[in-house]
Amino acid sequence: VLNPIKWISVRRNEVGKTIPNPTAKQLSGESNAPMGIFIEDERQQRAGLFLKDVRYRVYGYFDFIPPEKREENISTSPEFWADQQEATEIVRMDETEAKYAAMFERRAKKGQCFHRPYLGCREFACYFRLVNPGEELERPIDETRDLGFMLYDMNFEDANDPTPQFFRAYMEKGVVKTDRREVEVRG
């Protein structure tokens, strides 16, 4: 944690409902079957307490899983991806840990990412830059405190009912450890 911890209280208007799939009448354009929702009827106010002026230094790693040990992912939109024949014809021989490390470094240097990183809610995405080896690092704040339970991850083993996982966040001299090997994660 590089900046002192500051909080801001925010009240937001949200719509408490999603638009249902259109019916046959709606698709045919019948005037007595309107599509959409009236947000005035479905508005909800939510209050939240958020961190502001946040600056972190994040350390990360990845676990390389060789292709032969990877579980098969089932795509939610299989027509978008390669078909079975293409998948067997395009067996990559260059699947190495070094390939993925170089890919990460190349993209991180340019500020590129597949999903914008965030800590907490996706709507609070962050900007990042790669810290080069040998670069002088800014010191973390000199503060120690228990930050309580924080969202760690979502467990998607049951895709229809994902469950949150939490960990007890403790900051010691500006450092919050989040490595699953070092903190207890509860579902």
N, C-alpha and C. Protein backbone atom coordinates (compact mmCIF):
# COMPACT_ATOMS: atom_id res chain seq x y z
N VAL A 1 0.87 -1.16 0.00
CA VAL A 1 0.00 0.00 0.00
C VAL A 1 0.92 1.22 0.00
N LEU A 2 0.81 2.03 -1.05
CA LEU A 2 1.73 3.15 -1.22
C LEU A 2 1.15 4.49 -0.77
N ASN A 3 -0.17 4.64 -0.79
CA ASN A 3 -0.82 5.88 -0.35
C ASN A 3 -1.53 5.62 0.97
N PRO A 4 -1.65 6.65 1.83
CA PRO A 4 -2.43 6.48 3.06
C PRO A 4 -3.87 6.07 2.73
N ILE A 5 -4.47 5.29 3.60
CA ILE A 5 -5.83 4.79 3.37
C ILE A 5 -6.83 5.91 3.64
N LYS A 6 -7.64 6.22 2.61
CA LYS A 6 -8.71 7.22 2.72
C LYS A 6 -9.99 6.59 2.21
N TRP A 7 -11.10 7.03 2.77
CA TRP A 7 -12.40 6.46 2.41
C TRP A 7 -13.30 7.53 1.80
N ILE A 8 -14.24 7.07 0.99
CA ILE A 8 -15.27 7.96 0.45
C ILE A 8 -16.59 7.19 0.46
N SER A 9 -17.66 7.88 0.85
CA SER A 9 -18.99 7.28 0.86
C SER A 9 -19.71 7.70 -0.42
N VAL A 10 -20.25 6.72 -1.13
CA VAL A 10 -20.90 6.98 -2.41
C VAL A 10 -22.30 6.37 -2.40
N ARG A 11 -23.28 7.16 -2.86
CA ARG A 11 -24.64 6.65 -3.03
C ARG A 11 -24.89 6.57 -4.53
N ARG A 12 -25.37 5.39 -4.98
CA ARG A 12 -25.56 5.17 -6.42
C ARG A 12 -26.97 4.72 -6.70
N ASN A 13 -27.46 5.10 -7.87
CA ASN A 13 -28.74 4.59 -8.35
C ASN A 13 -28.45 3.39 -9.24
N GLU A 14 -29.16 2.30 -9.00
CA GLU A 14 -29.01 1.10 -9.82
C GLU A 14 -30.38 0.60 -10.20
N VAL A 15 -30.43 -0.17 -11.26
CA VAL A 15 -31.67 -0.82 -11.68
C VAL A 15 -31.64 -2.22 -11.08
N GLY A 16 -32.68 -2.58 -10.34
CA GLY A 16 -32.71 -3.85 -9.62
C GLY A 16 -33.28 -5.00 -10.42
N LYS A 17 -33.24 -4.93 -11.73
CA LYS A 17 -33.85 -5.96 -12.55
C LYS A 17 -33.13 -6.01 -13.89
N THR A 18 -33.10 -7.17 -14.51
CA THR A 18 -32.55 -7.26 -15.86
C THR A 18 -33.70 -7.39 -16.85
N ILE A 19 -33.47 -6.94 -18.06
CA ILE A 19 -34.51 -7.03 -19.08
C ILE A 19 -34.65 -8.48 -19.50
N PRO A 20 -35.88 -9.02 -19.47
CA PRO A 20 -36.06 -10.42 -19.88
C PRO A 20 -35.89 -10.58 -21.39
N ASN A 21 -35.69 -11.82 -21.82
CA ASN A 21 -35.61 -12.10 -23.26
C ASN A 21 -36.93 -11.72 -23.92
N PRO A 22 -36.87 -11.19 -25.14
CA PRO A 22 -38.11 -10.78 -25.82
C PRO A 22 -39.00 -11.98 -26.15
N THR A 23 -40.30 -11.74 -26.08
CA THR A 23 -41.27 -12.78 -26.43
C THR A 23 -41.54 -12.73 -27.94
N ALA A 24 -42.25 -13.71 -28.45
CA ALA A 24 -42.59 -13.75 -29.88
C ALA A 24 -43.43 -12.52 -30.26
N LYS A 25 -44.35 -12.11 -29.36
CA LYS A 25 -45.18 -10.93 -29.64
C LYS A 25 -44.31 -9.67 -29.74
N GLN A 26 -43.35 -9.56 -28.84
CA GLN A 26 -42.47 -8.39 -28.87
C GLN A 26 -41.62 -8.38 -30.14
N LEU A 27 -41.13 -9.54 -30.53
CA LEU A 27 -40.30 -9.62 -31.74
C LEU A 27 -41.10 -9.31 -33.00
N SER A 28 -42.39 -9.64 -32.97
CA SER A 28 -43.22 -9.36 -34.15
C SER A 28 -43.66 -7.90 -34.20
N GLY A 29 -43.39 -7.14 -33.12
CA GLY A 29 -43.67 -5.71 -33.12
C GLY A 29 -45.06 -5.33 -32.67
N GLU A 30 -45.78 -6.23 -32.00
CA GLU A 30 -47.12 -5.88 -31.52
C GLU A 30 -47.02 -4.73 -30.53
N SER A 31 -47.87 -3.75 -30.68
CA SER A 31 -47.79 -2.54 -29.87
C SER A 31 -48.21 -2.76 -28.42
N ASN A 32 -48.98 -3.79 -28.14
CA ASN A 32 -49.41 -4.02 -26.75
C ASN A 32 -48.41 -4.90 -25.99
N ALA A 33 -47.26 -5.16 -26.57
CA ALA A 33 -46.22 -5.96 -25.91
C ALA A 33 -44.91 -5.18 -25.88
N PRO A 34 -44.83 -4.14 -25.03
CA PRO A 34 -43.63 -3.31 -25.03
C PRO A 34 -42.40 -4.08 -24.51
N MET A 35 -41.26 -3.75 -25.07
CA MET A 35 -40.01 -4.35 -24.59
C MET A 35 -39.35 -3.37 -23.63
N GLY A 36 -38.53 -3.89 -22.75
CA GLY A 36 -37.79 -3.04 -21.83
C GLY A 36 -38.44 -2.98 -20.46
N ILE A 37 -37.87 -2.13 -19.63
CA ILE A 37 -38.39 -1.91 -18.28
C ILE A 37 -38.40 -0.41 -18.03
N PHE A 38 -39.21 0.02 -17.10
CA PHE A 38 -39.24 1.41 -16.68
C PHE A 38 -38.33 1.53 -15.46
N ILE A 39 -37.22 2.25 -15.63
CA ILE A 39 -36.25 2.30 -14.54
C ILE A 39 -36.82 2.97 -13.30
N GLU A 40 -37.80 3.85 -13.46
CA GLU A 40 -38.40 4.50 -12.30
C GLU A 40 -39.05 3.48 -11.37
N ASP A 41 -39.57 2.39 -11.95
CA ASP A 41 -40.23 1.36 -11.14
C ASP A 41 -39.22 0.40 -10.52
N GLU A 42 -38.02 0.32 -11.06
CA GLU A 42 -37.05 -0.68 -10.63
C GLU A 42 -35.78 -0.07 -10.02
N ARG A 43 -35.81 1.22 -9.74
CA ARG A 43 -34.62 1.90 -9.22
C ARG A 43 -34.35 1.49 -7.77
N GLN A 44 -33.08 1.30 -7.47
CA GLN A 44 -32.65 1.02 -6.11
C GLN A 44 -31.48 1.95 -5.79
N GLN A 45 -31.46 2.46 -4.58
CA GLN A 45 -30.31 3.25 -4.16
C GLN A 45 -29.41 2.36 -3.32
N ARG A 46 -28.13 2.40 -3.62
CA ARG A 46 -27.16 1.63 -2.87
C ARG A 46 -26.09 2.58 -2.35
N ALA A 47 -25.70 2.36 -1.13
CA ALA A 47 -24.63 3.15 -0.55
C ALA A 47 -23.42 2.25 -0.38
N GLY A 48 -22.26 2.81 -0.57
CA GLY A 48 -21.04 2.03 -0.41
C GLY A 48 -19.94 2.88 0.18
N LEU A 49 -19.04 2.22 0.87
CA LEU A 49 -17.87 2.88 1.43
C LEU A 49 -16.68 2.35 0.65
N PHE A 50 -15.97 3.23 -0.04
CA PHE A 50 -14.91 2.82 -0.95
C PHE A 50 -13.60 3.50 -0.59
N LEU A 51 -12.51 2.87 -1.00
CA LEU A 51 -11.19 3.48 -0.86
C LEU A 51 -11.02 4.54 -1.95
N LYS A 52 -10.28 5.60 -1.63
CA LYS A 52 -10.00 6.60 -2.66
C LYS A 52 -8.50 6.92 -2.66
N ASP A 53 -8.03 7.46 -3.79
CA ASP A 53 -6.60 7.77 -3.99
C ASP A 53 -5.73 6.55 -3.70
N VAL A 54 -6.12 5.44 -4.29
CA VAL A 54 -5.48 4.15 -4.01
C VAL A 54 -4.23 3.97 -4.88
N ARG A 55 -3.17 3.50 -4.26
CA ARG A 55 -1.95 3.10 -5.00
C ARG A 55 -1.39 1.86 -4.34
N TYR A 56 -1.23 0.81 -5.14
CA TYR A 56 -0.67 -0.45 -4.66
C TYR A 56 0.51 -0.84 -5.53
N ARG A 57 1.36 -1.66 -4.99
CA ARG A 57 2.35 -2.38 -5.78
C ARG A 57 1.96 -3.85 -5.63
N VAL A 58 1.72 -4.50 -6.74
CA VAL A 58 1.24 -5.88 -6.72
C VAL A 58 2.32 -6.80 -7.27
N TYR A 59 2.58 -7.87 -6.55
CA TYR A 59 3.49 -8.91 -7.01
C TYR A 59 2.64 -10.08 -7.47
N GLY A 60 3.04 -10.72 -8.53
CA GLY A 60 2.25 -11.84 -9.03
C GLY A 60 3.12 -12.93 -9.60
N TYR A 61 2.50 -14.05 -9.84
CA TYR A 61 3.15 -15.19 -10.47
C TYR A 61 2.08 -15.98 -11.20
N PHE A 62 2.50 -16.89 -12.04
CA PHE A 62 1.54 -17.79 -12.66
C PHE A 62 2.07 -19.21 -12.55
N ASP A 63 1.15 -20.15 -12.52
CA ASP A 63 1.50 -21.57 -12.52
C ASP A 63 1.30 -22.09 -13.93
N PHE A 64 2.38 -22.55 -14.55
CA PHE A 64 2.29 -23.10 -15.90
C PHE A 64 1.78 -24.53 -15.82
N ILE A 65 0.74 -24.81 -16.58
CA ILE A 65 0.19 -26.17 -16.66
C ILE A 65 0.45 -26.68 -18.07
N PRO A 66 1.26 -27.73 -18.22
CA PRO A 66 1.52 -28.26 -19.56
C PRO A 66 0.22 -28.67 -20.24
N PRO A 67 0.15 -28.55 -21.58
CA PRO A 67 -1.09 -28.84 -22.31
C PRO A 67 -1.70 -30.20 -21.99
N GLU A 68 -0.86 -31.20 -21.80
CA GLU A 68 -1.40 -32.55 -21.55
C GLU A 68 -2.03 -32.69 -20.16
N LYS A 69 -1.77 -31.73 -19.25
CA LYS A 69 -2.34 -31.79 -17.90
C LYS A 69 -3.49 -30.81 -17.70
N ARG A 70 -3.82 -30.03 -18.73
CA ARG A 70 -4.89 -29.04 -18.61
C ARG A 70 -6.25 -29.71 -18.70
N GLU A 71 -7.18 -29.21 -17.89
CA GLU A 71 -8.56 -29.67 -17.98
C GLU A 71 -9.17 -29.05 -19.23
N GLU A 72 -10.09 -29.76 -19.84
CA GLU A 72 -10.74 -29.22 -21.02
C GLU A 72 -11.78 -28.20 -20.58
N ASN A 73 -11.68 -27.01 -21.13
CA ASN A 73 -12.67 -25.98 -20.85
C ASN A 73 -13.84 -26.14 -21.79
N ILE A 74 -15.03 -25.97 -21.27
CA ILE A 74 -16.22 -26.03 -22.10
C ILE A 74 -16.64 -24.60 -22.36
N SER A 75 -16.58 -24.19 -23.62
CA SER A 75 -16.91 -22.82 -23.98
C SER A 75 -18.41 -22.60 -23.89
N THR A 76 -18.79 -21.42 -23.44
CA THR A 76 -20.22 -21.09 -23.41
C THR A 76 -20.72 -20.70 -24.79
N SER A 77 -19.82 -20.42 -25.71
CA SER A 77 -20.21 -20.10 -27.09
C SER A 77 -19.30 -20.88 -28.05
N PRO A 78 -19.51 -22.19 -28.16
CA PRO A 78 -18.59 -23.02 -28.94
C PRO A 78 -18.48 -22.64 -30.40
N GLU A 79 -19.52 -22.04 -30.99
CA GLU A 79 -19.45 -21.67 -32.40
C GLU A 79 -18.41 -20.58 -32.64
N PHE A 80 -18.03 -19.87 -31.59
CA PHE A 80 -17.05 -18.81 -31.71
C PHE A 80 -15.64 -19.36 -31.81
N TRP A 81 -15.39 -20.47 -31.17
CA TRP A 81 -14.05 -21.05 -31.10
C TRP A 81 -13.86 -22.08 -32.21
N ALA A 82 -12.65 -22.56 -32.31
CA ALA A 82 -12.32 -23.56 -33.33
C ALA A 82 -13.14 -24.83 -33.12
N ASP A 83 -13.52 -25.46 -34.24
CA ASP A 83 -14.25 -26.72 -34.14
C ASP A 83 -13.29 -27.85 -33.77
N GLN A 84 -13.82 -29.05 -33.58
CA GLN A 84 -13.03 -30.19 -33.13
C GLN A 84 -11.87 -30.49 -34.08
N GLN A 85 -12.13 -30.45 -35.38
CA GLN A 85 -11.08 -30.73 -36.36
C GLN A 85 -9.97 -29.68 -36.27
N GLU A 86 -10.35 -28.42 -36.20
CA GLU A 86 -9.35 -27.36 -36.10
C GLU A 86 -8.54 -27.50 -34.82
N ALA A 87 -9.22 -27.85 -33.74
CA ALA A 87 -8.54 -27.98 -32.46
C ALA A 87 -7.47 -29.06 -32.51
N THR A 88 -7.74 -30.17 -33.19
CA THR A 88 -6.74 -31.24 -33.26
C THR A 88 -5.63 -30.91 -34.25
N GLU A 89 -5.92 -30.10 -35.27
CA GLU A 89 -4.91 -29.74 -36.26
C GLU A 89 -3.95 -28.67 -35.76
N ILE A 90 -4.40 -27.87 -34.81
CA ILE A 90 -3.59 -26.73 -34.35
C ILE A 90 -2.94 -27.04 -33.00
N VAL A 91 -2.35 -28.21 -32.87
CA VAL A 91 -1.66 -28.55 -31.62
C VAL A 91 -0.37 -27.75 -31.58
N ARG A 92 -0.21 -26.94 -30.54
CA ARG A 92 0.96 -26.07 -30.44
C ARG A 92 2.11 -26.81 -29.79
N MET A 93 3.27 -26.71 -30.39
CA MET A 93 4.45 -27.36 -29.85
C MET A 93 5.28 -26.38 -29.01
N ASP A 94 4.93 -25.09 -29.05
CA ASP A 94 5.72 -24.09 -28.33
C ASP A 94 5.10 -23.71 -26.99
N GLU A 95 4.34 -24.60 -26.39
CA GLU A 95 3.70 -24.32 -25.10
C GLU A 95 4.73 -24.49 -23.99
N THR A 96 5.38 -23.39 -23.61
CA THR A 96 6.38 -23.42 -22.54
C THR A 96 6.10 -22.30 -21.55
N GLU A 97 6.66 -22.44 -20.36
CA GLU A 97 6.53 -21.41 -19.35
C GLU A 97 7.16 -20.10 -19.83
N ALA A 98 8.30 -20.22 -20.51
CA ALA A 98 9.00 -19.02 -21.02
C ALA A 98 8.14 -18.25 -22.01
N LYS A 99 7.37 -18.96 -22.83
CA LYS A 99 6.49 -18.30 -23.80
C LYS A 99 5.49 -17.40 -23.09
N TYR A 100 4.85 -17.92 -22.03
CA TYR A 100 3.83 -17.15 -21.32
C TYR A 100 4.45 -16.02 -20.50
N ALA A 101 5.64 -16.24 -19.94
CA ALA A 101 6.31 -15.18 -19.19
C ALA A 101 6.68 -14.03 -20.13
N ALA A 102 7.19 -14.35 -21.32
CA ALA A 102 7.54 -13.32 -22.30
C ALA A 102 6.29 -12.58 -22.79
N MET A 103 5.20 -13.32 -22.98
CA MET A 103 3.95 -12.72 -23.43
C MET A 103 3.43 -11.73 -22.37
N PHE A 104 3.49 -12.15 -21.10
CA PHE A 104 3.05 -11.26 -20.02
C PHE A 104 3.91 -9.99 -19.99
N GLU A 105 5.22 -10.17 -20.02
CA GLU A 105 6.12 -9.01 -19.93
C GLU A 105 5.91 -8.06 -21.11
N ARG A 106 5.79 -8.59 -22.31
CA ARG A 106 5.59 -7.77 -23.51
C ARG A 106 4.29 -6.96 -23.39
N ARG A 107 3.23 -7.61 -22.95
CA ARG A 107 1.94 -6.91 -22.84
C ARG A 107 1.93 -5.92 -21.69
N ALA A 108 2.49 -6.31 -20.55
CA ALA A 108 2.48 -5.43 -19.38
C ALA A 108 3.30 -4.16 -19.64
N LYS A 109 4.39 -4.27 -20.38
CA LYS A 109 5.19 -3.08 -20.72
C LYS A 109 4.37 -2.07 -21.52
N LYS A 110 3.43 -2.56 -22.32
CA LYS A 110 2.60 -1.69 -23.15
C LYS A 110 1.30 -1.29 -22.43
N GLY A 111 1.09 -1.81 -21.22
CA GLY A 111 -0.16 -1.52 -20.51
C GLY A 111 -1.34 -2.29 -21.05
N GLN A 112 -1.07 -3.38 -21.77
CA GLN A 112 -2.14 -4.19 -22.35
C GLN A 112 -2.58 -5.28 -21.38
N CYS A 113 -3.84 -5.65 -21.48
CA CYS A 113 -4.35 -6.73 -20.66
C CYS A 113 -5.63 -7.28 -21.29
N PHE A 114 -5.94 -8.53 -20.96
CA PHE A 114 -7.16 -9.15 -21.47
C PHE A 114 -8.36 -8.61 -20.71
N HIS A 115 -8.24 -8.53 -19.38
CA HIS A 115 -9.25 -7.90 -18.52
C HIS A 115 -8.53 -6.86 -17.68
N ARG A 116 -9.09 -5.68 -17.59
CA ARG A 116 -8.49 -4.63 -16.77
C ARG A 116 -8.48 -5.10 -15.33
N PRO A 117 -7.31 -5.06 -14.66
CA PRO A 117 -7.25 -5.55 -13.27
C PRO A 117 -8.06 -4.68 -12.32
N TYR A 118 -8.54 -5.29 -11.26
CA TYR A 118 -9.28 -4.56 -10.24
C TYR A 118 -9.09 -5.27 -8.92
N LEU A 119 -9.25 -4.53 -7.85
CA LEU A 119 -9.21 -5.11 -6.51
C LEU A 119 -10.54 -4.77 -5.86
N GLY A 120 -11.37 -5.77 -5.70
CA GLY A 120 -12.71 -5.55 -5.17
C GLY A 120 -13.75 -5.71 -6.25
N CYS A 121 -14.36 -4.61 -6.67
CA CYS A 121 -15.43 -4.64 -7.68
C CYS A 121 -14.87 -4.33 -9.06
N ARG A 122 -15.40 -4.98 -10.07
CA ARG A 122 -14.95 -4.75 -11.45
C ARG A 122 -15.14 -3.31 -11.90
N GLU A 123 -16.13 -2.63 -11.33
CA GLU A 123 -16.37 -1.26 -11.76
C GLU A 123 -15.28 -0.31 -11.28
N PHE A 124 -14.38 -0.77 -10.44
CA PHE A 124 -13.28 0.05 -9.95
C PHE A 124 -11.96 -0.50 -10.49
N ALA A 125 -11.85 -0.53 -11.79
CA ALA A 125 -10.65 -1.06 -12.44
C ALA A 125 -9.48 -0.11 -12.22
N CYS A 126 -8.28 -0.66 -12.36
CA CYS A 126 -7.10 0.15 -12.12
C CYS A 126 -6.25 0.28 -13.38
N TYR A 127 -5.38 1.24 -13.34
CA TYR A 127 -4.35 1.39 -14.35
C TYR A 127 -3.08 0.80 -13.75
N PHE A 128 -2.20 0.32 -14.60
CA PHE A 128 -1.00 -0.32 -14.08
C PHE A 128 0.18 -0.06 -15.00
N ARG A 129 1.34 -0.31 -14.46
CA ARG A 129 2.56 -0.30 -15.27
C ARG A 129 3.49 -1.36 -14.71
N LEU A 130 4.34 -1.88 -15.55
CA LEU A 130 5.30 -2.89 -15.14
C LEU A 130 6.48 -2.20 -14.48
N VAL A 131 6.87 -2.68 -13.31
CA VAL A 131 8.05 -2.15 -12.62
C VAL A 131 9.24 -2.95 -13.10
N ASN A 132 10.22 -2.26 -13.65
CA ASN A 132 11.39 -2.94 -14.21
C ASN A 132 12.37 -3.36 -13.12
N PRO A 133 13.07 -4.48 -13.31
CA PRO A 133 14.09 -4.90 -12.34
C PRO A 133 15.14 -3.81 -12.20
N GLY A 134 15.56 -3.56 -10.97
CA GLY A 134 16.56 -2.54 -10.72
C GLY A 134 15.98 -1.15 -10.50
N GLU A 135 14.69 -0.96 -10.82
CA GLU A 135 14.04 0.33 -10.62
C GLU A 135 13.86 0.57 -9.12
N GLU A 136 14.15 1.80 -8.68
CA GLU A 136 13.99 2.11 -7.27
C GLU A 136 12.50 2.09 -6.92
N LEU A 137 12.16 1.35 -5.88
CA LEU A 137 10.76 1.18 -5.51
C LEU A 137 10.35 2.17 -4.43
N GLU A 138 9.17 2.70 -4.58
CA GLU A 138 8.60 3.58 -3.56
C GLU A 138 8.28 2.73 -2.33
N ARG A 139 8.58 3.27 -1.16
CA ARG A 139 8.36 2.50 0.08
C ARG A 139 6.87 2.49 0.43
N PRO A 140 6.39 1.35 0.97
CA PRO A 140 4.99 1.31 1.42
C PRO A 140 4.79 2.20 2.64
N ILE A 141 3.54 2.52 2.93
CA ILE A 141 3.24 3.35 4.10
C ILE A 141 3.64 2.59 5.36
N ASP A 142 3.97 3.33 6.40
CA ASP A 142 4.39 2.71 7.66
C ASP A 142 3.17 2.61 8.57
N GLU A 143 2.30 1.65 8.26
CA GLU A 143 1.07 1.49 9.02
C GLU A 143 0.75 0.00 9.16
N THR A 144 0.30 -0.37 10.34
CA THR A 144 -0.10 -1.75 10.61
C THR A 144 -1.51 -1.72 11.17
N ARG A 145 -2.40 -2.52 10.56
CA ARG A 145 -3.77 -2.59 11.08
C ARG A 145 -4.52 -3.78 10.48
N ASP A 146 -5.54 -4.21 11.22
CA ASP A 146 -6.43 -5.27 10.75
C ASP A 146 -7.48 -4.60 9.87
N LEU A 147 -7.60 -5.05 8.63
CA LEU A 147 -8.54 -4.45 7.68
C LEU A 147 -9.86 -5.22 7.61
N GLY A 148 -9.99 -6.28 8.39
CA GLY A 148 -11.23 -7.06 8.39
C GLY A 148 -11.30 -8.03 7.22
N PHE A 149 -12.49 -8.57 7.00
CA PHE A 149 -12.66 -9.53 5.91
C PHE A 149 -12.84 -8.80 4.59
N MET A 150 -12.19 -9.32 3.56
CA MET A 150 -12.28 -8.76 2.21
C MET A 150 -12.57 -9.88 1.23
N LEU A 151 -13.22 -9.50 0.13
CA LEU A 151 -13.48 -10.47 -0.93
C LEU A 151 -12.15 -10.92 -1.52
N TYR A 152 -11.95 -12.23 -1.61
CA TYR A 152 -10.72 -12.79 -2.17
C TYR A 152 -10.92 -13.24 -3.61
N ASP A 153 -12.03 -13.95 -3.84
CA ASP A 153 -12.29 -14.50 -5.17
C ASP A 153 -13.73 -14.98 -5.19
N MET A 154 -14.16 -15.40 -6.37
CA MET A 154 -15.46 -16.06 -6.52
C MET A 154 -15.20 -17.50 -6.93
N ASN A 155 -15.91 -18.43 -6.30
CA ASN A 155 -15.78 -19.85 -6.63
C ASN A 155 -16.85 -20.19 -7.65
N PHE A 156 -16.43 -20.57 -8.86
CA PHE A 156 -17.35 -20.87 -9.95
C PHE A 156 -17.49 -22.36 -10.20
N GLU A 157 -17.21 -23.20 -9.18
CA GLU A 157 -17.38 -24.64 -9.38
C GLU A 157 -18.81 -24.96 -9.80
N ASP A 158 -19.77 -24.28 -9.20
CA ASP A 158 -21.17 -24.38 -9.65
C ASP A 158 -21.46 -23.09 -10.41
N ALA A 159 -21.41 -23.18 -11.74
CA ALA A 159 -21.55 -21.98 -12.58
C ALA A 159 -22.89 -21.27 -12.37
N ASN A 160 -23.91 -21.99 -11.93
CA ASN A 160 -25.22 -21.39 -11.71
C ASN A 160 -25.34 -20.70 -10.35
N ASP A 161 -24.41 -20.99 -9.46
CA ASP A 161 -24.47 -20.41 -8.12
C ASP A 161 -23.06 -20.13 -7.60
N PRO A 162 -22.37 -19.13 -8.18
CA PRO A 162 -21.02 -18.83 -7.71
C PRO A 162 -21.06 -18.31 -6.27
N THR A 163 -20.07 -18.69 -5.49
CA THR A 163 -20.04 -18.29 -4.09
C THR A 163 -18.80 -17.43 -3.82
N PRO A 164 -18.95 -16.41 -2.98
CA PRO A 164 -17.80 -15.56 -2.67
C PRO A 164 -16.86 -16.25 -1.69
N GLN A 165 -15.58 -15.92 -1.79
CA GLN A 165 -14.58 -16.39 -0.85
C GLN A 165 -13.93 -15.16 -0.23
N PHE A 166 -13.72 -15.20 1.07
CA PHE A 166 -13.19 -14.05 1.79
C PHE A 166 -11.89 -14.42 2.50
N PHE A 167 -11.09 -13.41 2.80
CA PHE A 167 -9.90 -13.62 3.61
C PHE A 167 -9.79 -12.48 4.61
N ARG A 168 -9.10 -12.76 5.72
CA ARG A 168 -8.89 -11.74 6.75
C ARG A 168 -7.68 -10.91 6.34
N ALA A 169 -7.91 -9.68 5.94
CA ALA A 169 -6.83 -8.82 5.45
C ALA A 169 -6.16 -8.14 6.64
N TYR A 170 -4.87 -8.31 6.71
CA TYR A 170 -4.08 -7.69 7.76
C TYR A 170 -2.91 -6.97 7.11
N MET A 171 -2.78 -5.69 7.36
CA MET A 171 -1.70 -4.91 6.77
C MET A 171 -0.61 -4.72 7.82
N GLU A 172 0.60 -5.12 7.46
CA GLU A 172 1.73 -4.96 8.35
C GLU A 172 2.79 -4.11 7.66
N LYS A 173 3.03 -2.91 8.22
CA LYS A 173 3.97 -1.94 7.64
C LYS A 173 3.69 -1.72 6.16
N GLY A 174 2.40 -1.56 5.82
CA GLY A 174 2.00 -1.24 4.46
C GLY A 174 1.90 -2.43 3.52
N VAL A 175 2.09 -3.65 4.03
CA VAL A 175 2.06 -4.84 3.18
C VAL A 175 0.87 -5.72 3.57
N VAL A 176 0.02 -6.05 2.58
CA VAL A 176 -1.11 -6.96 2.78
C VAL A 176 -0.80 -8.22 1.98
N LYS A 177 -0.69 -9.33 2.67
CA LYS A 177 -0.40 -10.60 1.97
C LYS A 177 -1.71 -11.23 1.51
N THR A 178 -1.73 -11.64 0.25
CA THR A 178 -2.94 -12.24 -0.32
C THR A 178 -2.67 -13.61 -0.92
N ASP A 179 -1.46 -14.11 -0.81
CA ASP A 179 -1.12 -15.41 -1.37
C ASP A 179 -1.90 -16.49 -0.62
N ARG A 180 -2.62 -17.31 -1.36
CA ARG A 180 -3.45 -18.36 -0.76
C ARG A 180 -2.61 -19.29 0.12
N ARG A 181 -1.32 -19.38 -0.15
CA ARG A 181 -0.45 -20.24 0.66
C ARG A 181 -0.15 -19.61 2.01
N GLU A 182 -0.44 -18.30 2.16
CA GLU A 182 -0.11 -17.59 3.39
C GLU A 182 -1.32 -17.06 4.15
N VAL A 183 -2.48 -17.02 3.52
CA VAL A 183 -3.68 -16.51 4.20
C VAL A 183 -4.78 -17.56 4.16
N GLU A 184 -5.65 -17.50 5.16
CA GLU A 184 -6.79 -18.41 5.20
C GLU A 184 -7.93 -17.83 4.36
N VAL A 185 -8.44 -18.63 3.44
CA VAL A 185 -9.55 -18.20 2.58
C VAL A 185 -10.77 -19.01 2.97
N ARG A 186 -11.88 -18.32 3.22
CA ARG A 186 -13.13 -19.00 3.63
C ARG A 186 -14.22 -18.73 2.61
N GLY A 187 -15.07 -19.74 2.42
CA GLY A 187 -16.18 -19.58 1.47
C GLY A 187 -17.48 -19.36 2.16
